[in-house]
């Protein structure tokens, strides 16, 4: 096992995923520098966005990171097993009755409701060695966190002293969105109810909004893993993941031939096709399918690179297979046993996501368990 991934021999795997851990460390250092003198925490929820907690966390520790965020307690325990002294916050609220687990592993809950604060306060009062906690203020997401109307009342009756106040940006990737400035103004005003308590405001994209509102801590998320925190501008991050799929078969089809389930792609003239050993069971989303109807509407579909040539998807992404059009690829490059690049080498993660009608977060966290995984610079 590599973390919680089974080791699959490369010769048996239909696709291979290469993960550059030096690039991960570089990205953290870049985001740390963006934070100025503030702490730069690493968000490693969802199994470190699909690349593996057990491989990502040691590399981030070696780079200098000492604060981590996860979504669930199970993830937090995995991070704690890798480090004895890191600060670990659990973002998804505080589930009823779980305080002893936080205490046993030295984990910090992020509390976002009156009920959570009351329960944690009661536990902390009865257990003086309880770990510290953070408080989440909602400034515009309307998911988790105290509403602005609740903040003053809760702060007056707070049964413990929090170690951090945080909020979450809703539209940081769009630097021109006026909600960013509004959320900053609201957070600046509301945190005054918690004098002298450190604060955290910026996520990955927030760290690129000038001037950077770093406060005391930034939280580096998807940009750590190579996604572009400033869409529409050159990506300052290094590429972390590279995905390649094996070519199982090459075939020639005549004009008018239909491909895949329900024949949603039709050959326009004689075409040469390659069938790849990857599909939606491997996390490559069906929404990237290449259909005639999408082409007619000008909607981009998935592509793969073979011999450096962009090859459009032909038909539906199925569970285990994708067909691509390799007509324009030299025959010695498109062959049985060859490789098609699905992410990387000029096909960036953000473009892959856009062609699937989604975001890089979903692509990363969907990365499958049937790949042969290679960790570079571990």
Protein backbone atom coordinates (compact mmCIF):
# COMPACT_ATOMS: atom_id res chain seq x y z
CA UNK A 1 0.00 0.00 0.00
CA UNK A 2 1.00 3.61 -0.61
CA UNK A 3 -1.05 5.37 2.05
CA UNK A 4 -4.52 4.03 1.34
CA UNK A 5 -3.80 3.21 -2.31
CA UNK A 6 -3.08 -0.35 -3.40
CA UNK A 7 0.21 -0.74 -5.26
CA UNK A 8 -0.62 -1.75 -8.82
CA UNK A 9 2.26 -2.94 -11.03
CA UNK A 10 2.73 -0.57 -13.99
CA UNK A 11 2.46 -3.38 -16.50
CA UNK A 12 -0.96 -4.33 -15.10
CA UNK A 13 -2.44 -0.83 -14.83
CA UNK A 14 -4.46 0.77 -17.58
CA UNK A 15 -3.24 4.23 -16.62
CA UNK A 16 -0.42 5.79 -14.63
CA UNK A 17 -0.48 8.80 -12.33
CA UNK A 18 2.76 10.63 -11.61
CA UNK A 19 2.85 13.02 -8.65
CA UNK A 20 5.72 15.49 -8.26
CA UNK A 21 6.17 16.12 -4.56
CA UNK A 22 8.88 18.70 -5.12
CA UNK A 23 6.33 20.72 -7.09
CA UNK A 24 3.94 20.43 -4.13
CA UNK A 25 6.63 21.79 -1.78
CA UNK A 26 7.47 24.58 -4.25
CA UNK A 27 3.81 25.59 -4.41
CA UNK A 28 3.56 25.72 -0.62
CA UNK A 29 6.65 27.92 -0.38
CA UNK A 30 5.26 30.27 -3.02
CA UNK A 31 1.98 30.58 -1.10
CA UNK A 32 3.90 31.01 2.16
CA UNK A 33 5.77 33.91 0.60
CA UNK A 34 2.47 35.42 -0.57
CA UNK A 35 1.37 35.34 3.07
CA UNK A 36 4.23 37.60 4.13
CA UNK A 37 4.90 36.92 7.77
CA UNK A 38 1.62 35.10 8.38
CA UNK A 39 1.38 31.35 8.96
CA UNK A 40 0.61 29.41 5.77
CA UNK A 41 -1.51 26.36 6.57
CA UNK A 42 -1.91 23.48 4.11
CA UNK A 43 -5.36 22.09 3.38
CA UNK A 44 -5.02 18.31 2.96
CA UNK A 45 -8.66 17.25 3.11
CA UNK A 46 -10.08 14.72 0.62
CA UNK A 47 -6.89 12.66 0.89
CA UNK A 48 -4.74 15.70 0.04
CA UNK A 49 -6.99 16.51 -2.92
CA UNK A 50 -6.53 12.99 -4.26
CA UNK A 51 -2.73 12.71 -4.22
CA UNK A 52 -2.52 10.94 -0.84
CA UNK A 53 -2.21 12.29 2.71
CA UNK A 54 0.62 9.91 3.62
CA UNK A 55 2.78 11.22 0.78
CA UNK A 56 1.79 14.91 0.82
CA UNK A 57 2.03 15.67 4.54
CA UNK A 58 5.67 14.55 5.10
CA UNK A 59 6.76 16.59 2.08
CA UNK A 60 4.92 19.67 3.35
CA UNK A 61 6.40 19.17 6.81
CA UNK A 62 9.88 19.01 5.30
CA UNK A 63 9.15 22.25 3.43
CA UNK A 64 8.30 23.95 6.73
CA UNK A 65 4.52 23.67 7.02
CA UNK A 66 3.31 23.23 10.60
CA UNK A 67 -0.46 23.77 10.31
CA UNK A 68 -2.90 21.52 8.47
CA UNK A 69 -6.62 21.58 7.73
CA UNK A 70 -8.83 18.57 7.03
CA UNK A 71 -12.58 18.08 6.71
CA UNK A 72 -13.14 14.98 8.85
CA UNK A 73 -11.79 13.39 12.00
CA UNK A 74 -10.64 10.28 10.15
CA UNK A 75 -8.43 12.49 7.98
CA UNK A 76 -7.15 14.33 11.03
CA UNK A 77 -6.04 11.08 12.68
CA UNK A 78 -4.10 10.16 9.56
CA UNK A 79 -2.31 13.50 9.60
CA UNK A 80 -1.59 13.19 13.32
CA UNK A 81 0.00 9.78 12.74
CA UNK A 82 2.52 11.49 10.47
CA UNK A 83 3.50 14.29 12.85
CA UNK A 84 3.63 14.67 16.58
CA UNK A 85 3.51 18.43 16.88
CA UNK A 86 1.65 19.92 13.90
CA UNK A 87 -1.49 21.97 14.49
CA UNK A 88 -4.46 20.20 12.88
CA UNK A 89 -7.87 21.82 12.40
CA UNK A 90 -11.03 19.93 11.44
CA UNK A 91 -13.18 22.13 9.22
CA UNK A 92 -16.50 20.35 8.98
CA UNK A 93 -17.89 21.43 12.30
CA UNK A 94 -17.92 19.49 15.52
CA UNK A 95 -20.02 16.33 15.48
CA UNK A 96 -21.99 15.56 18.63
CA UNK A 97 -20.14 13.40 21.13
CA UNK A 98 -16.75 13.50 19.40
CA UNK A 99 -14.91 15.80 21.85
CA UNK A 100 -12.95 12.89 23.41
CA UNK A 101 -11.54 12.01 19.97
CA UNK A 102 -10.27 15.55 19.50
CA UNK A 103 -8.68 15.45 22.93
CA UNK A 104 -7.10 12.02 22.44
CA UNK A 105 -5.33 13.10 19.25
CA UNK A 106 -4.69 16.77 20.00
CA UNK A 107 -7.00 18.02 17.23
CA UNK A 108 -8.69 21.41 17.00
CA UNK A 109 -12.36 21.69 16.02
CA UNK A 110 -13.58 24.59 13.90
CA UNK A 111 -16.83 25.54 15.60
CA UNK A 112 -19.53 27.17 13.51
CA UNK A 113 -22.77 27.21 15.49
CA UNK A 114 -24.08 28.10 18.95
CA UNK A 115 -24.76 24.43 19.65
CA UNK A 116 -21.22 23.38 18.80
CA UNK A 117 -19.75 26.17 20.93
CA UNK A 118 -21.92 25.24 23.91
CA UNK A 119 -21.04 21.53 23.68
CA UNK A 120 -17.34 22.22 23.27
CA UNK A 121 -17.44 24.73 26.13
CA UNK A 122 -19.00 22.16 28.45
CA UNK A 123 -16.37 19.60 27.52
CA UNK A 124 -13.51 22.06 27.91
CA UNK A 125 -14.81 23.15 31.33
CA UNK A 126 -14.78 19.55 32.54
CA UNK A 127 -11.45 18.72 30.86
CA UNK A 128 -8.85 21.45 31.41
CA UNK A 129 -6.45 19.67 29.04
CA UNK A 130 -8.90 19.87 26.10
CA UNK A 131 -7.23 21.18 22.93
CA UNK A 132 -7.99 24.72 21.76
CA UNK A 133 -10.69 25.46 19.21
CA UNK A 134 -11.33 27.86 16.34
CA UNK A 135 -14.53 29.74 15.54
CA UNK A 136 -15.92 30.06 12.02
CA UNK A 137 -17.78 33.24 11.08
CA UNK A 138 -19.92 33.09 7.94
CA UNK A 139 -19.49 36.21 5.79
CA UNK A 140 -21.25 35.08 2.66
CA UNK A 141 -21.14 31.33 1.98
CA UNK A 142 -24.24 30.42 4.01
CA UNK A 143 -22.97 26.91 4.65
CA UNK A 144 -21.19 26.66 8.00
CA UNK A 145 -20.32 29.31 10.54
CA UNK A 146 -21.94 31.83 12.85
CA UNK A 147 -24.14 34.31 11.03
CA UNK A 148 -23.11 37.96 11.40
CA UNK A 149 -26.17 38.52 13.57
CA UNK A 150 -25.05 35.84 16.03
CA UNK A 151 -21.45 36.94 16.47
CA UNK A 152 -21.83 39.66 19.12
CA UNK A 153 -24.16 37.57 21.28
CA UNK A 154 -21.95 34.48 21.10
CA UNK A 155 -18.78 36.48 21.79
CA UNK A 156 -20.29 37.98 24.97
CA UNK A 157 -21.13 34.56 26.42
CA UNK A 158 -18.20 32.57 25.06
CA UNK A 159 -17.33 29.79 27.54
CA UNK A 160 -13.68 29.46 26.40
CA UNK A 161 -11.04 31.49 24.59
CA UNK A 162 -10.63 30.47 20.94
CA UNK A 163 -7.20 30.39 19.33
CA UNK A 164 -8.38 31.41 15.85
CA UNK A 165 -11.24 33.21 14.10
CA UNK A 166 -11.75 32.37 10.43
CA UNK A 167 -14.07 32.86 7.48
CA UNK A 168 -14.15 31.54 3.92
CA UNK A 169 -14.17 33.49 0.67
CA UNK A 170 -16.94 32.64 -1.77
CA UNK A 171 -15.53 34.06 -5.02
CA UNK A 172 -11.81 34.63 -4.51
CA UNK A 173 -10.87 33.18 -7.90
CA UNK A 174 -12.65 36.18 -9.47
CA UNK A 175 -10.53 39.04 -8.21
CA UNK A 176 -12.96 41.63 -9.55
CA UNK A 177 -15.97 40.20 -7.72
CA UNK A 178 -17.21 42.87 -5.27
CA UNK A 179 -18.14 40.17 -2.76
CA UNK A 180 -14.44 39.80 -1.89
CA UNK A 181 -14.20 43.36 -0.58
CA UNK A 182 -17.55 43.03 1.17
CA UNK A 183 -16.50 39.83 2.93
CA UNK A 184 -13.22 41.44 4.01
CA UNK A 185 -15.04 44.45 5.42
CA UNK A 186 -17.54 42.26 7.27
CA UNK A 187 -14.83 39.99 8.67
CA UNK A 188 -12.71 42.94 9.77
CA UNK A 189 -15.73 44.36 11.59
CA UNK A 190 -16.92 41.12 13.15
CA UNK A 191 -13.55 39.92 14.41
CA UNK A 192 -13.43 42.96 16.68
CA UNK A 193 -15.79 41.02 18.94
CA UNK A 194 -12.83 38.69 19.57
CA UNK A 195 -10.03 41.11 20.47
CA UNK A 196 -6.46 39.84 20.28
CA UNK A 197 -7.52 36.50 18.73
CA UNK A 198 -5.55 35.52 15.58
CA UNK A 199 -7.55 35.52 12.34
CA UNK A 200 -7.55 33.67 9.01
CA UNK A 201 -9.20 35.01 5.86
CA UNK A 202 -7.42 33.98 2.64
CA UNK A 203 -7.65 30.73 0.74
CA UNK A 204 -5.39 29.97 -2.27
CA UNK A 205 -6.94 32.54 -4.60
CA UNK A 206 -7.45 35.03 -1.79
CA UNK A 207 -3.69 35.16 -1.34
CA UNK A 208 -3.44 36.73 -4.83
CA UNK A 209 -5.93 39.55 -4.26
CA UNK A 210 -3.94 42.74 -3.73
CA UNK A 211 -3.38 43.96 -1.12
CA UNK A 212 -3.19 40.51 0.50
CA UNK A 213 -5.40 40.34 3.60
CA UNK A 214 -3.22 37.70 5.22
CA UNK A 215 -4.15 38.54 8.83
CA UNK A 216 -2.38 35.90 10.95
CA UNK A 217 -2.87 32.84 8.77
CA UNK A 218 -3.65 31.91 5.16
CA UNK A 219 -5.01 28.52 4.11
CA UNK A 220 -3.40 27.05 0.99
CA UNK A 221 -5.75 24.67 -0.78
CA UNK A 222 -6.17 23.68 -4.42
CA UNK A 223 -3.24 25.81 -5.64
CA UNK A 224 -0.90 23.56 -3.67
CA UNK A 225 -1.79 20.79 -6.09
CA UNK A 226 -1.15 22.82 -9.24
CA UNK A 227 -4.50 24.44 -10.02
CA UNK A 228 -4.38 28.04 -11.17
CA UNK A 229 -5.40 30.43 -8.35
CA UNK A 230 -5.74 33.30 -10.84
CA UNK A 231 -7.88 31.99 -13.72
CA UNK A 232 -7.34 33.89 -16.94
CA UNK A 233 -3.78 34.76 -15.98
CA UNK A 234 -0.57 32.69 -16.23
CA UNK A 235 -0.52 29.97 -13.60
CA UNK A 236 2.19 30.72 -11.00
CA UNK A 237 2.01 27.20 -9.58
CA UNK A 238 3.99 24.17 -10.68
CA UNK A 239 2.29 21.12 -12.16
CA UNK A 240 1.92 18.39 -9.51
CA UNK A 241 -0.03 15.64 -11.28
CA UNK A 242 0.50 13.96 -14.63
CA UNK A 243 -1.94 11.33 -15.87
CA UNK A 244 -1.34 8.98 -18.81
CA UNK A 245 -3.55 6.20 -20.18
CA UNK A 246 -2.48 3.20 -22.23
CA UNK A 247 -3.67 2.75 -25.79
CA UNK A 248 -5.42 -0.62 -26.00
CA UNK A 249 -6.32 -0.69 -29.67
CA UNK A 250 -6.11 1.29 -32.91
CA UNK A 251 -8.83 1.03 -35.52
CA UNK A 252 -9.84 2.72 -38.77
CA UNK A 253 -13.50 3.64 -39.26
CA UNK A 254 -15.29 4.86 -42.40
CA UNK A 255 -17.21 8.07 -42.91
CA UNK A 256 -20.47 8.02 -40.95
CA UNK A 257 -19.38 5.41 -38.40
CA UNK A 258 -20.89 5.92 -34.95
CA UNK A 259 -18.78 5.48 -31.83
CA UNK A 260 -19.64 4.54 -28.26
CA UNK A 261 -22.88 4.14 -26.35
CA UNK A 262 -25.89 5.48 -28.24
CA UNK A 263 -23.68 6.52 -31.16
CA UNK A 264 -23.31 10.11 -30.01
CA UNK A 265 -20.20 10.76 -32.13
CA UNK A 266 -20.12 10.31 -35.87
CA UNK A 267 -17.01 10.12 -38.05
CA UNK A 268 -16.73 12.99 -40.52
CA UNK A 269 -14.76 11.19 -43.18
CA UNK A 270 -12.46 8.19 -42.67
CA UNK A 271 -10.92 8.41 -39.18
CA UNK A 272 -8.30 6.58 -37.15
CA UNK A 273 -9.32 5.96 -33.55
CA UNK A 274 -7.52 4.85 -30.40
CA UNK A 275 -9.21 3.21 -27.43
CA UNK A 276 -7.73 4.17 -24.05
CA UNK A 277 -7.75 2.17 -20.82
CA UNK A 278 -9.38 4.81 -18.63
CA UNK A 279 -12.94 5.86 -17.87
CA UNK A 280 -15.26 7.39 -15.32
CA UNK A 281 -14.55 4.52 -12.88
CA UNK A 282 -11.02 5.95 -12.80
CA UNK A 283 -12.28 9.43 -12.03
CA UNK A 284 -12.18 10.80 -15.58
CA UNK A 285 -15.58 12.45 -15.72
CA UNK A 286 -18.25 11.42 -18.20
CA UNK A 287 -19.06 15.09 -18.69
CA UNK A 288 -15.91 15.32 -20.86
CA UNK A 289 -17.54 13.09 -23.52
CA UNK A 290 -17.16 14.08 -27.15
CA UNK A 291 -20.63 14.23 -28.67
CA UNK A 292 -21.85 15.63 -31.97
CA UNK A 293 -24.44 17.67 -30.07
CA UNK A 294 -21.73 19.40 -28.03
CA UNK A 295 -19.70 20.18 -31.13
CA UNK A 296 -22.78 21.66 -32.82
CA UNK A 297 -23.22 24.02 -29.85
CA UNK A 298 -19.56 24.96 -29.69
CA UNK A 299 -19.11 23.23 -26.32
CA UNK A 300 -15.59 22.00 -25.70
CA UNK A 301 -15.14 18.29 -25.03
CA UNK A 302 -12.24 16.31 -23.65
CA UNK A 303 -8.94 15.88 -25.41
CA UNK A 304 -5.82 13.77 -24.87
CA UNK A 305 -2.29 14.31 -26.16
CA UNK A 306 -0.64 11.61 -28.25
CA UNK A 307 2.79 12.42 -29.59
CA UNK A 308 2.14 16.01 -28.56
CA UNK A 309 -0.95 16.21 -30.79
CA UNK A 310 -4.32 17.16 -29.30
CA UNK A 311 -6.76 14.31 -29.97
CA UNK A 312 -10.48 14.93 -29.36
CA UNK A 313 -12.67 12.45 -27.51
CA UNK A 314 -14.89 10.45 -29.84
CA UNK A 315 -18.14 9.45 -28.15
CA UNK A 316 -19.01 8.94 -24.52
CA UNK A 317 -16.57 8.43 -21.70
CA UNK A 318 -17.59 4.98 -20.51
CA UNK A 319 -16.79 3.22 -17.24
CA UNK A 320 -13.41 1.84 -18.30
CA UNK A 321 -12.70 3.21 -21.78
CA UNK A 322 -12.33 6.42 -23.75
CA UNK A 323 -12.03 6.60 -27.54
CA UNK A 324 -10.01 9.42 -29.11
CA UNK A 325 -9.47 10.52 -32.71
CA UNK A 326 -5.78 10.06 -33.59
CA UNK A 327 -6.11 10.66 -37.33
CA UNK A 328 -3.60 13.53 -37.19
CA UNK A 329 -1.02 11.62 -35.12
CA UNK A 330 1.92 9.89 -36.84
CA UNK A 331 1.31 6.15 -36.89
CA UNK A 332 4.46 5.35 -34.93
CA UNK A 333 3.23 7.60 -32.07
CA UNK A 334 -0.33 6.24 -31.92
CA UNK A 335 0.15 2.50 -31.39
CA UNK A 336 -1.02 -0.30 -29.13
CA UNK A 337 0.82 -0.04 -25.81
CA UNK A 338 1.58 3.65 -26.31
CA UNK A 339 0.47 6.36 -23.91
CA UNK A 340 -1.99 9.23 -24.15
CA UNK A 341 -1.51 12.16 -21.79
CA UNK A 342 -4.76 13.02 -20.00
CA UNK A 343 -3.35 15.69 -17.62
CA UNK A 344 0.01 17.42 -17.98
CA UNK A 345 2.60 18.14 -20.69
CA UNK A 346 0.73 21.11 -22.12
CA UNK A 347 -2.73 19.88 -21.10
CA UNK A 348 -3.10 21.68 -17.76
CA UNK A 349 -5.39 20.60 -14.98
CA UNK A 350 -7.54 23.71 -15.38
CA UNK A 351 -8.16 23.01 -19.07
CA UNK A 352 -9.05 19.39 -18.35
CA UNK A 353 -11.59 20.65 -15.81
CA UNK A 354 -13.03 23.25 -18.17
CA UNK A 355 -13.48 20.68 -20.93
CA UNK A 356 -15.41 18.51 -18.48
CA UNK A 357 -17.57 21.47 -17.45
CA UNK A 358 -16.26 21.40 -13.91
CA UNK A 359 -13.48 22.74 -11.67
CA UNK A 360 -9.97 21.46 -10.88
CA UNK A 361 -11.08 20.46 -7.37
CA UNK A 362 -13.42 17.79 -8.78
CA UNK A 363 -10.83 16.46 -11.21
CA UNK A 364 -8.18 16.11 -8.47
CA UNK A 365 -10.43 14.56 -5.85
CA UNK A 366 -11.82 12.07 -8.40
CA UNK A 367 -8.41 10.60 -9.27
CA UNK A 368 -8.93 6.86 -9.31
CA UNK A 369 -7.55 3.91 -7.38
CA UNK A 370 -6.79 1.74 -10.42
CA UNK A 371 -3.78 3.77 -11.49
CA UNK A 372 -0.17 2.78 -11.12
CA UNK A 373 1.02 5.63 -8.92
CA UNK A 374 4.51 7.11 -9.11
CA UNK A 375 5.68 9.62 -6.53
CA UNK A 376 8.62 11.70 -7.65
CA UNK A 377 10.95 13.27 -5.08
CA UNK A 378 9.33 11.48 -2.13
